[in-house]
């Protein structure tokens, strides 16, 4: 049985996403995802690859940095879960990658936290936040806006 993607008419078309994704004519934008839940991480990777992006999927900032260094390429956008293992945060992960490359790489925080204190901490970062469960259309829209903002810098 052939797999069919259901597309919400309110979200950009696959063609538009692929056209916007490339940082060069033949090079897909690089999305770095940091998520410590393996099944969620694989889901993100599959989703972004299906949209035509190159993906580095990592369970921690250190793992992401290691792969990024080997690739010799800075990410075009970073997506990180707010709460990571060992008391780490997505904000710290994003800042470490931005620091490594010396640039303000566009980034998105994803959180399932509902506690007021945690939400204030995440909001204080100034980063756009998506709440779990993440809506694919909203994620795609925010990703495109981040990529467009990154190109304007």
N, C-alpha and C. Protein backbone atom coordinates (compact mmCIF):
# COMPACT_ATOMS: atom_id res chain seq x y z
N UNK A 1 0.83 -1.18 0.00
CA UNK A 1 0.00 0.00 0.00
C UNK A 1 0.88 1.25 0.00
N UNK A 2 0.57 2.19 -0.84
CA UNK A 2 1.35 3.41 -0.98
C UNK A 2 1.01 4.39 0.13
N UNK A 3 2.05 5.03 0.70
CA UNK A 3 1.85 6.00 1.75
C UNK A 3 1.42 7.33 1.15
N UNK A 4 0.42 7.95 1.75
CA UNK A 4 -0.10 9.21 1.26
C UNK A 4 0.04 10.26 2.35
N UNK A 5 0.58 11.43 2.00
CA UNK A 5 0.68 12.52 2.95
C UNK A 5 -0.57 13.37 2.84
N UNK A 6 -1.20 13.62 3.98
CA UNK A 6 -2.36 14.49 4.01
C UNK A 6 -1.85 15.91 4.21
N UNK A 7 -2.20 16.80 3.32
CA UNK A 7 -1.73 18.18 3.37
C UNK A 7 -2.87 19.10 3.72
N UNK A 8 -2.67 19.92 4.74
CA UNK A 8 -3.65 20.92 5.13
C UNK A 8 -3.54 22.07 4.12
N UNK A 9 -4.65 22.48 3.54
CA UNK A 9 -4.64 23.52 2.52
C UNK A 9 -4.14 24.85 3.06
N UNK A 10 -4.15 25.02 4.38
CA UNK A 10 -3.68 26.27 4.96
C UNK A 10 -2.17 26.31 5.12
N UNK A 11 -1.48 25.19 4.91
CA UNK A 11 -0.03 25.16 5.05
C UNK A 11 0.62 25.26 3.68
N UNK A 12 1.89 25.72 3.64
CA UNK A 12 2.56 25.84 2.35
C UNK A 12 2.66 24.50 1.64
N UNK A 13 2.64 24.53 0.33
CA UNK A 13 2.74 23.29 -0.42
C UNK A 13 4.14 22.70 -0.31
N UNK A 14 4.25 21.42 -0.57
CA UNK A 14 5.55 20.73 -0.56
C UNK A 14 6.52 21.42 -1.50
N UNK A 15 6.04 21.83 -2.67
CA UNK A 15 6.90 22.49 -3.64
C UNK A 15 7.46 23.78 -3.05
N UNK A 16 6.62 24.56 -2.37
CA UNK A 16 7.05 25.81 -1.77
C UNK A 16 8.08 25.55 -0.68
N UNK A 17 7.82 24.55 0.16
CA UNK A 17 8.74 24.23 1.24
C UNK A 17 10.10 23.85 0.69
N UNK A 18 10.12 23.00 -0.33
CA UNK A 18 11.39 22.59 -0.90
C UNK A 18 12.11 23.78 -1.55
N UNK A 19 11.38 24.65 -2.20
CA UNK A 19 12.00 25.81 -2.84
C UNK A 19 12.60 26.74 -1.79
N UNK A 20 11.93 26.89 -0.65
CA UNK A 20 12.42 27.77 0.40
C UNK A 20 13.53 27.11 1.22
N UNK A 21 13.58 25.79 1.22
CA UNK A 21 14.49 25.07 2.10
C UNK A 21 15.94 25.18 1.68
N UNK A 22 16.23 25.25 0.41
CA UNK A 22 17.60 25.21 -0.04
C UNK A 22 18.39 26.44 0.31
N UNK A 23 19.59 26.25 0.90
CA UNK A 23 20.45 27.39 1.17
C UNK A 23 21.31 27.66 -0.05
N UNK A 24 21.35 26.75 -0.96
CA UNK A 24 21.97 26.93 -2.27
C UNK A 24 21.06 26.18 -3.23
N UNK A 25 21.26 26.39 -4.53
CA UNK A 25 20.36 25.80 -5.52
C UNK A 25 20.21 24.30 -5.36
N UNK A 26 21.29 23.60 -5.03
CA UNK A 26 21.21 22.14 -4.94
C UNK A 26 21.48 21.62 -3.53
N UNK A 27 21.41 22.49 -2.53
CA UNK A 27 21.71 22.07 -1.17
C UNK A 27 20.52 22.38 -0.26
N UNK A 28 20.01 21.36 0.39
CA UNK A 28 18.86 21.54 1.28
C UNK A 28 19.30 22.26 2.54
N UNK A 29 18.39 23.03 3.11
CA UNK A 29 18.65 23.69 4.39
C UNK A 29 18.91 22.60 5.44
N UNK A 30 19.81 22.91 6.36
CA UNK A 30 20.18 21.96 7.41
C UNK A 30 19.44 22.29 8.70
N UNK A 31 18.59 21.36 9.13
CA UNK A 31 17.84 21.49 10.37
C UNK A 31 18.52 20.60 11.41
N UNK A 32 18.89 21.20 12.53
CA UNK A 32 19.46 20.43 13.63
C UNK A 32 18.40 20.31 14.71
N UNK A 33 18.07 19.09 15.08
CA UNK A 33 17.04 18.82 16.08
C UNK A 33 17.69 18.19 17.30
N UNK A 34 17.38 18.74 18.48
CA UNK A 34 17.89 18.19 19.73
C UNK A 34 16.69 17.80 20.59
N UNK A 35 16.58 16.51 20.82
CA UNK A 35 15.44 15.94 21.56
C UNK A 35 15.95 14.67 22.23
N UNK A 36 15.73 14.53 23.54
CA UNK A 36 16.26 13.38 24.25
C UNK A 36 15.35 12.16 24.26
N UNK A 37 14.14 12.28 23.74
CA UNK A 37 13.27 11.11 23.61
C UNK A 37 13.46 10.53 22.21
N UNK A 38 14.04 9.34 22.14
CA UNK A 38 14.45 8.75 20.86
C UNK A 38 13.31 8.66 19.84
N UNK A 39 12.15 8.23 20.25
CA UNK A 39 11.05 8.05 19.31
C UNK A 39 10.59 9.39 18.74
N UNK A 40 10.59 10.43 19.56
CA UNK A 40 10.22 11.77 19.11
C UNK A 40 11.29 12.31 18.15
N UNK A 41 12.55 12.05 18.49
CA UNK A 41 13.66 12.49 17.64
C UNK A 41 13.58 11.87 16.26
N UNK A 42 13.31 10.59 16.19
CA UNK A 42 13.18 9.90 14.91
C UNK A 42 11.99 10.46 14.13
N UNK A 43 10.90 10.75 14.83
CA UNK A 43 9.74 11.34 14.18
C UNK A 43 10.05 12.68 13.55
N UNK A 44 10.75 13.53 14.28
CA UNK A 44 11.17 14.82 13.72
C UNK A 44 12.06 14.63 12.49
N UNK A 45 13.02 13.73 12.62
CA UNK A 45 13.94 13.50 11.51
C UNK A 45 13.19 13.06 10.26
N UNK A 46 12.28 12.12 10.41
CA UNK A 46 11.52 11.64 9.26
C UNK A 46 10.65 12.75 8.67
N UNK A 47 10.04 13.54 9.53
CA UNK A 47 9.19 14.63 9.06
C UNK A 47 9.99 15.65 8.27
N UNK A 48 11.10 16.12 8.83
CA UNK A 48 11.89 17.14 8.14
C UNK A 48 12.51 16.62 6.85
N UNK A 49 12.94 15.38 6.86
CA UNK A 49 13.47 14.79 5.62
C UNK A 49 12.38 14.68 4.57
N UNK A 50 11.15 14.36 5.00
CA UNK A 50 10.05 14.26 4.02
C UNK A 50 9.73 15.63 3.43
N UNK A 51 10.07 16.69 4.14
CA UNK A 51 9.87 18.05 3.64
C UNK A 51 11.05 18.53 2.80
N UNK A 52 12.08 17.70 2.66
CA UNK A 52 13.21 18.05 1.80
C UNK A 52 14.40 18.67 2.50
N UNK A 53 14.44 18.65 3.81
CA UNK A 53 15.56 19.22 4.55
C UNK A 53 16.62 18.18 4.85
N UNK A 54 17.87 18.64 4.97
CA UNK A 54 18.93 17.81 5.53
C UNK A 54 18.76 17.90 7.04
N UNK A 55 18.98 16.81 7.77
CA UNK A 55 18.69 16.80 9.20
C UNK A 55 19.86 16.21 9.98
N UNK A 56 20.20 16.90 11.07
CA UNK A 56 21.08 16.32 12.08
C UNK A 56 20.20 16.16 13.31
N UNK A 57 19.98 14.93 13.72
CA UNK A 57 19.14 14.62 14.86
C UNK A 57 20.03 14.14 16.00
N UNK A 58 19.92 14.79 17.15
CA UNK A 58 20.80 14.46 18.27
C UNK A 58 20.04 14.47 19.58
N UNK A 59 20.54 13.68 20.52
CA UNK A 59 19.92 13.60 21.83
C UNK A 59 20.42 14.65 22.80
N UNK A 60 21.48 15.36 22.43
CA UNK A 60 22.06 16.39 23.31
C UNK A 60 22.80 17.42 22.47
N UNK A 61 23.12 18.54 23.11
CA UNK A 61 23.88 19.59 22.43
C UNK A 61 25.26 19.07 22.05
N UNK A 62 25.87 18.32 22.94
CA UNK A 62 27.22 17.80 22.68
C UNK A 62 27.23 16.89 21.46
N UNK A 63 26.24 16.02 21.39
CA UNK A 63 26.12 15.12 20.24
C UNK A 63 25.91 15.91 18.95
N UNK A 64 25.05 16.91 19.00
CA UNK A 64 24.79 17.74 17.82
C UNK A 64 26.06 18.46 17.38
N UNK A 65 26.78 19.04 18.34
CA UNK A 65 28.02 19.76 18.01
C UNK A 65 29.05 18.85 17.38
N UNK A 66 29.16 17.64 17.89
CA UNK A 66 30.12 16.68 17.34
C UNK A 66 29.81 16.40 15.86
N UNK A 67 28.55 16.15 15.55
CA UNK A 67 28.16 15.85 14.17
C UNK A 67 28.32 17.10 13.30
N UNK A 68 27.92 18.26 13.82
CA UNK A 68 28.05 19.51 13.06
C UNK A 68 29.52 19.81 12.74
N UNK A 69 30.40 19.61 13.70
CA UNK A 69 31.83 19.84 13.45
C UNK A 69 32.34 18.95 12.33
N UNK A 70 31.93 17.68 12.37
CA UNK A 70 32.36 16.75 11.31
C UNK A 70 31.80 17.15 9.95
N UNK A 71 30.60 17.72 9.96
CA UNK A 71 29.98 18.09 8.69
C UNK A 71 30.61 19.35 8.10
N UNK A 72 31.20 20.16 8.95
CA UNK A 72 31.79 21.40 8.48
C UNK A 72 30.77 22.45 8.07
N UNK A 73 29.56 22.27 8.53
CA UNK A 73 28.46 23.15 8.11
C UNK A 73 27.64 23.60 9.32
N UNK A 74 27.32 24.88 9.35
CA UNK A 74 26.45 25.40 10.41
C UNK A 74 25.00 25.07 10.06
N UNK A 75 24.18 24.82 11.07
CA UNK A 75 22.76 24.58 10.77
C UNK A 75 22.09 25.86 10.30
N UNK A 76 21.05 25.70 9.49
CA UNK A 76 20.26 26.84 9.06
C UNK A 76 19.19 27.18 10.09
N UNK A 77 18.81 26.19 10.89
CA UNK A 77 17.84 26.38 11.98
C UNK A 77 18.06 25.26 13.00
N UNK A 78 17.80 25.60 14.26
CA UNK A 78 17.93 24.63 15.36
C UNK A 78 16.56 24.49 16.01
N UNK A 79 16.17 23.26 16.27
CA UNK A 79 14.93 22.98 17.00
C UNK A 79 15.32 22.13 18.20
N UNK A 80 14.96 22.61 19.39
CA UNK A 80 15.35 21.89 20.60
C UNK A 80 14.20 21.79 21.59
N UNK A 81 14.10 20.62 22.20
CA UNK A 81 13.15 20.43 23.28
C UNK A 81 13.64 21.29 24.45
N UNK A 82 12.72 21.88 25.19
CA UNK A 82 13.13 22.77 26.28
C UNK A 82 13.85 22.00 27.38
N UNK A 83 13.27 20.87 27.80
CA UNK A 83 13.87 20.13 28.91
C UNK A 83 14.56 18.89 28.37
N UNK A 84 15.88 18.84 28.57
CA UNK A 84 16.68 17.71 28.10
C UNK A 84 17.21 16.94 29.31
N UNK A 85 17.89 15.84 29.06
CA UNK A 85 18.43 15.00 30.14
C UNK A 85 19.50 15.74 30.93
N UNK A 86 19.72 15.23 32.13
CA UNK A 86 20.78 15.74 33.02
C UNK A 86 20.63 17.22 33.34
N UNK A 87 19.39 17.71 33.41
CA UNK A 87 19.14 19.09 33.78
C UNK A 87 19.48 20.11 32.72
N UNK A 88 19.81 19.65 31.53
CA UNK A 88 20.12 20.57 30.43
C UNK A 88 18.82 21.15 29.87
N UNK A 89 18.96 22.30 29.21
CA UNK A 89 17.79 22.90 28.56
C UNK A 89 18.07 23.11 27.08
N UNK A 90 16.99 23.20 26.34
CA UNK A 90 17.11 23.50 24.92
C UNK A 90 17.72 24.87 24.68
N UNK A 91 17.45 25.81 25.58
CA UNK A 91 18.02 27.15 25.45
C UNK A 91 19.54 27.06 25.50
N UNK A 92 20.07 26.34 26.49
CA UNK A 92 21.52 26.19 26.60
C UNK A 92 22.09 25.46 25.38
N UNK A 93 21.37 24.46 24.89
CA UNK A 93 21.82 23.72 23.70
C UNK A 93 21.89 24.65 22.49
N UNK A 94 20.86 25.45 22.30
CA UNK A 94 20.83 26.39 21.18
C UNK A 94 21.96 27.39 21.30
N UNK A 95 22.14 27.96 22.48
CA UNK A 95 23.20 28.96 22.69
C UNK A 95 24.58 28.36 22.45
N UNK A 96 24.79 27.12 22.83
CA UNK A 96 26.11 26.51 22.62
C UNK A 96 26.40 26.32 21.13
N UNK A 97 25.39 25.95 20.36
CA UNK A 97 25.59 25.79 18.91
C UNK A 97 25.79 27.15 18.25
N UNK A 98 25.01 28.13 18.65
CA UNK A 98 25.19 29.48 18.11
C UNK A 98 26.59 29.99 18.44
N UNK A 99 27.04 29.74 19.66
CA UNK A 99 28.38 30.16 20.07
C UNK A 99 29.47 29.47 19.28
N UNK A 100 29.28 28.19 19.02
CA UNK A 100 30.27 27.43 18.24
C UNK A 100 30.46 28.03 16.86
N UNK A 101 29.37 28.49 16.25
CA UNK A 101 29.45 29.01 14.89
C UNK A 101 29.51 30.54 14.85
N UNK A 102 29.44 31.17 16.01
CA UNK A 102 29.56 32.62 16.08
C UNK A 102 28.48 33.38 15.33
N UNK A 103 27.29 32.83 15.33
CA UNK A 103 26.20 33.52 14.64
C UNK A 103 24.86 33.23 15.31
N UNK A 104 23.92 34.12 15.10
CA UNK A 104 22.58 33.99 15.65
C UNK A 104 21.75 33.10 14.73
N UNK A 105 21.95 31.81 14.84
CA UNK A 105 21.21 30.84 14.03
C UNK A 105 19.75 30.82 14.51
N UNK A 106 18.79 30.95 13.59
CA UNK A 106 17.39 30.90 14.01
C UNK A 106 17.09 29.59 14.74
N UNK A 107 16.24 29.67 15.75
CA UNK A 107 15.96 28.50 16.57
C UNK A 107 14.53 28.51 17.09
N UNK A 108 14.05 27.31 17.41
CA UNK A 108 12.71 27.10 17.94
C UNK A 108 12.81 26.20 19.17
N UNK A 109 12.11 26.58 20.24
CA UNK A 109 11.99 25.72 21.41
C UNK A 109 10.68 24.96 21.33
N UNK A 110 10.71 23.71 21.74
CA UNK A 110 9.50 22.90 21.82
C UNK A 110 9.38 22.46 23.27
N UNK A 111 8.19 22.58 23.83
CA UNK A 111 8.04 22.19 25.22
C UNK A 111 6.70 21.52 25.48
N UNK A 112 6.75 20.59 26.39
CA UNK A 112 5.53 19.95 26.88
C UNK A 112 5.23 20.41 28.29
N UNK A 113 6.09 21.28 28.82
CA UNK A 113 5.90 21.80 30.17
C UNK A 113 4.65 22.65 30.25
N UNK A 114 3.96 22.53 31.37
CA UNK A 114 2.78 23.36 31.59
C UNK A 114 2.93 24.23 32.84
N UNK A 115 4.00 23.99 33.60
CA UNK A 115 4.23 24.77 34.82
C UNK A 115 4.57 26.22 34.48
N UNK A 116 3.98 27.13 35.24
CA UNK A 116 4.16 28.56 34.97
C UNK A 116 5.64 28.97 35.04
N UNK A 117 6.37 28.46 36.02
CA UNK A 117 7.79 28.84 36.15
C UNK A 117 8.60 28.38 34.94
N UNK A 118 8.40 27.15 34.50
CA UNK A 118 9.13 26.63 33.34
C UNK A 118 8.77 27.42 32.07
N UNK A 119 7.50 27.73 31.92
CA UNK A 119 7.08 28.49 30.75
C UNK A 119 7.66 29.90 30.75
N UNK A 120 7.77 30.51 31.95
CA UNK A 120 8.41 31.82 32.04
C UNK A 120 9.88 31.73 31.67
N UNK A 121 10.55 30.67 32.14
CA UNK A 121 11.97 30.47 31.81
C UNK A 121 12.15 30.34 30.31
N UNK A 122 11.31 29.55 29.69
CA UNK A 122 11.41 29.35 28.24
C UNK A 122 11.12 30.66 27.50
N UNK A 123 10.10 31.37 27.93
CA UNK A 123 9.73 32.63 27.26
C UNK A 123 10.83 33.68 27.43
N UNK A 124 11.53 33.66 28.56
CA UNK A 124 12.60 34.63 28.81
C UNK A 124 13.75 34.49 27.81
N UNK A 125 13.84 33.35 27.15
CA UNK A 125 14.91 33.14 26.17
C UNK A 125 14.73 34.02 24.94
N UNK A 126 13.49 34.45 24.70
CA UNK A 126 13.20 35.24 23.50
C UNK A 126 13.04 34.40 22.25
N UNK A 127 13.14 33.09 22.39
CA UNK A 127 13.00 32.19 21.25
C UNK A 127 11.53 31.86 21.02
N UNK A 128 11.14 31.61 19.75
CA UNK A 128 9.77 31.16 19.51
C UNK A 128 9.55 29.79 20.15
N UNK A 129 8.35 29.59 20.69
CA UNK A 129 8.05 28.35 21.41
C UNK A 129 6.84 27.67 20.79
N UNK A 130 6.97 26.36 20.59
CA UNK A 130 5.84 25.52 20.18
C UNK A 130 5.54 24.58 21.34
N UNK A 131 4.26 24.38 21.60
CA UNK A 131 3.85 23.51 22.70
C UNK A 131 3.45 22.14 22.17
N UNK A 132 3.87 21.10 22.91
CA UNK A 132 3.52 19.73 22.56
C UNK A 132 2.07 19.49 22.95
N UNK A 133 1.34 18.71 22.21
CA UNK A 133 1.77 18.07 20.96
C UNK A 133 1.88 19.11 19.85
N UNK A 134 2.95 19.00 19.08
CA UNK A 134 3.25 19.96 18.03
C UNK A 134 2.36 19.72 16.82
N UNK A 135 1.75 20.78 16.33
CA UNK A 135 0.94 20.74 15.11
C UNK A 135 1.89 20.86 13.92
N UNK A 136 1.84 19.92 12.98
CA UNK A 136 2.74 19.92 11.83
C UNK A 136 2.66 21.19 10.99
N UNK A 137 1.46 21.71 10.80
CA UNK A 137 1.29 22.93 10.02
C UNK A 137 1.94 24.12 10.69
N UNK A 138 1.78 24.23 12.01
CA UNK A 138 2.40 25.33 12.75
C UNK A 138 3.92 25.19 12.74
N UNK A 139 4.40 23.97 12.88
CA UNK A 139 5.84 23.72 12.85
C UNK A 139 6.41 24.12 11.50
N UNK A 140 5.76 23.71 10.45
CA UNK A 140 6.23 24.02 9.10
C UNK A 140 6.25 25.53 8.86
N UNK A 141 5.19 26.21 9.29
CA UNK A 141 5.11 27.66 9.12
C UNK A 141 6.23 28.37 9.88
N UNK A 142 6.43 27.99 11.13
CA UNK A 142 7.47 28.62 11.95
C UNK A 142 8.86 28.31 11.40
N UNK A 143 9.05 27.09 10.93
CA UNK A 143 10.33 26.70 10.34
C UNK A 143 10.63 27.57 9.11
N UNK A 144 9.65 27.76 8.26
CA UNK A 144 9.85 28.60 7.07
C UNK A 144 10.16 30.05 7.46
N UNK A 145 9.47 30.56 8.47
CA UNK A 145 9.74 31.93 8.91
C UNK A 145 11.15 32.06 9.48
N UNK A 146 11.59 31.05 10.24
CA UNK A 146 12.95 31.07 10.80
C UNK A 146 13.99 31.03 9.68
N UNK A 147 13.77 30.17 8.69
CA UNK A 147 14.71 30.09 7.57
C UNK A 147 14.75 31.39 6.79
N UNK A 148 13.60 32.01 6.58
CA UNK A 148 13.57 33.29 5.86
C UNK A 148 14.28 34.37 6.67
N UNK A 149 14.10 34.38 7.97
CA UNK A 149 14.77 35.37 8.84
C UNK A 149 16.28 35.15 8.83
N UNK A 150 16.69 33.89 8.81
CA UNK A 150 18.12 33.58 8.78
C UNK A 150 18.80 34.04 7.52
N UNK A 151 18.09 33.99 6.42
CA UNK A 151 18.65 34.43 5.13
C UNK A 151 18.74 35.95 5.08
N UNK A 152 17.89 36.63 5.84
CA UNK A 152 17.88 38.09 5.83
C UNK A 152 19.00 38.68 6.69
N UNK A 153 19.55 37.86 7.59
CA UNK A 153 20.59 38.34 8.51
C UNK A 153 21.87 38.62 7.77
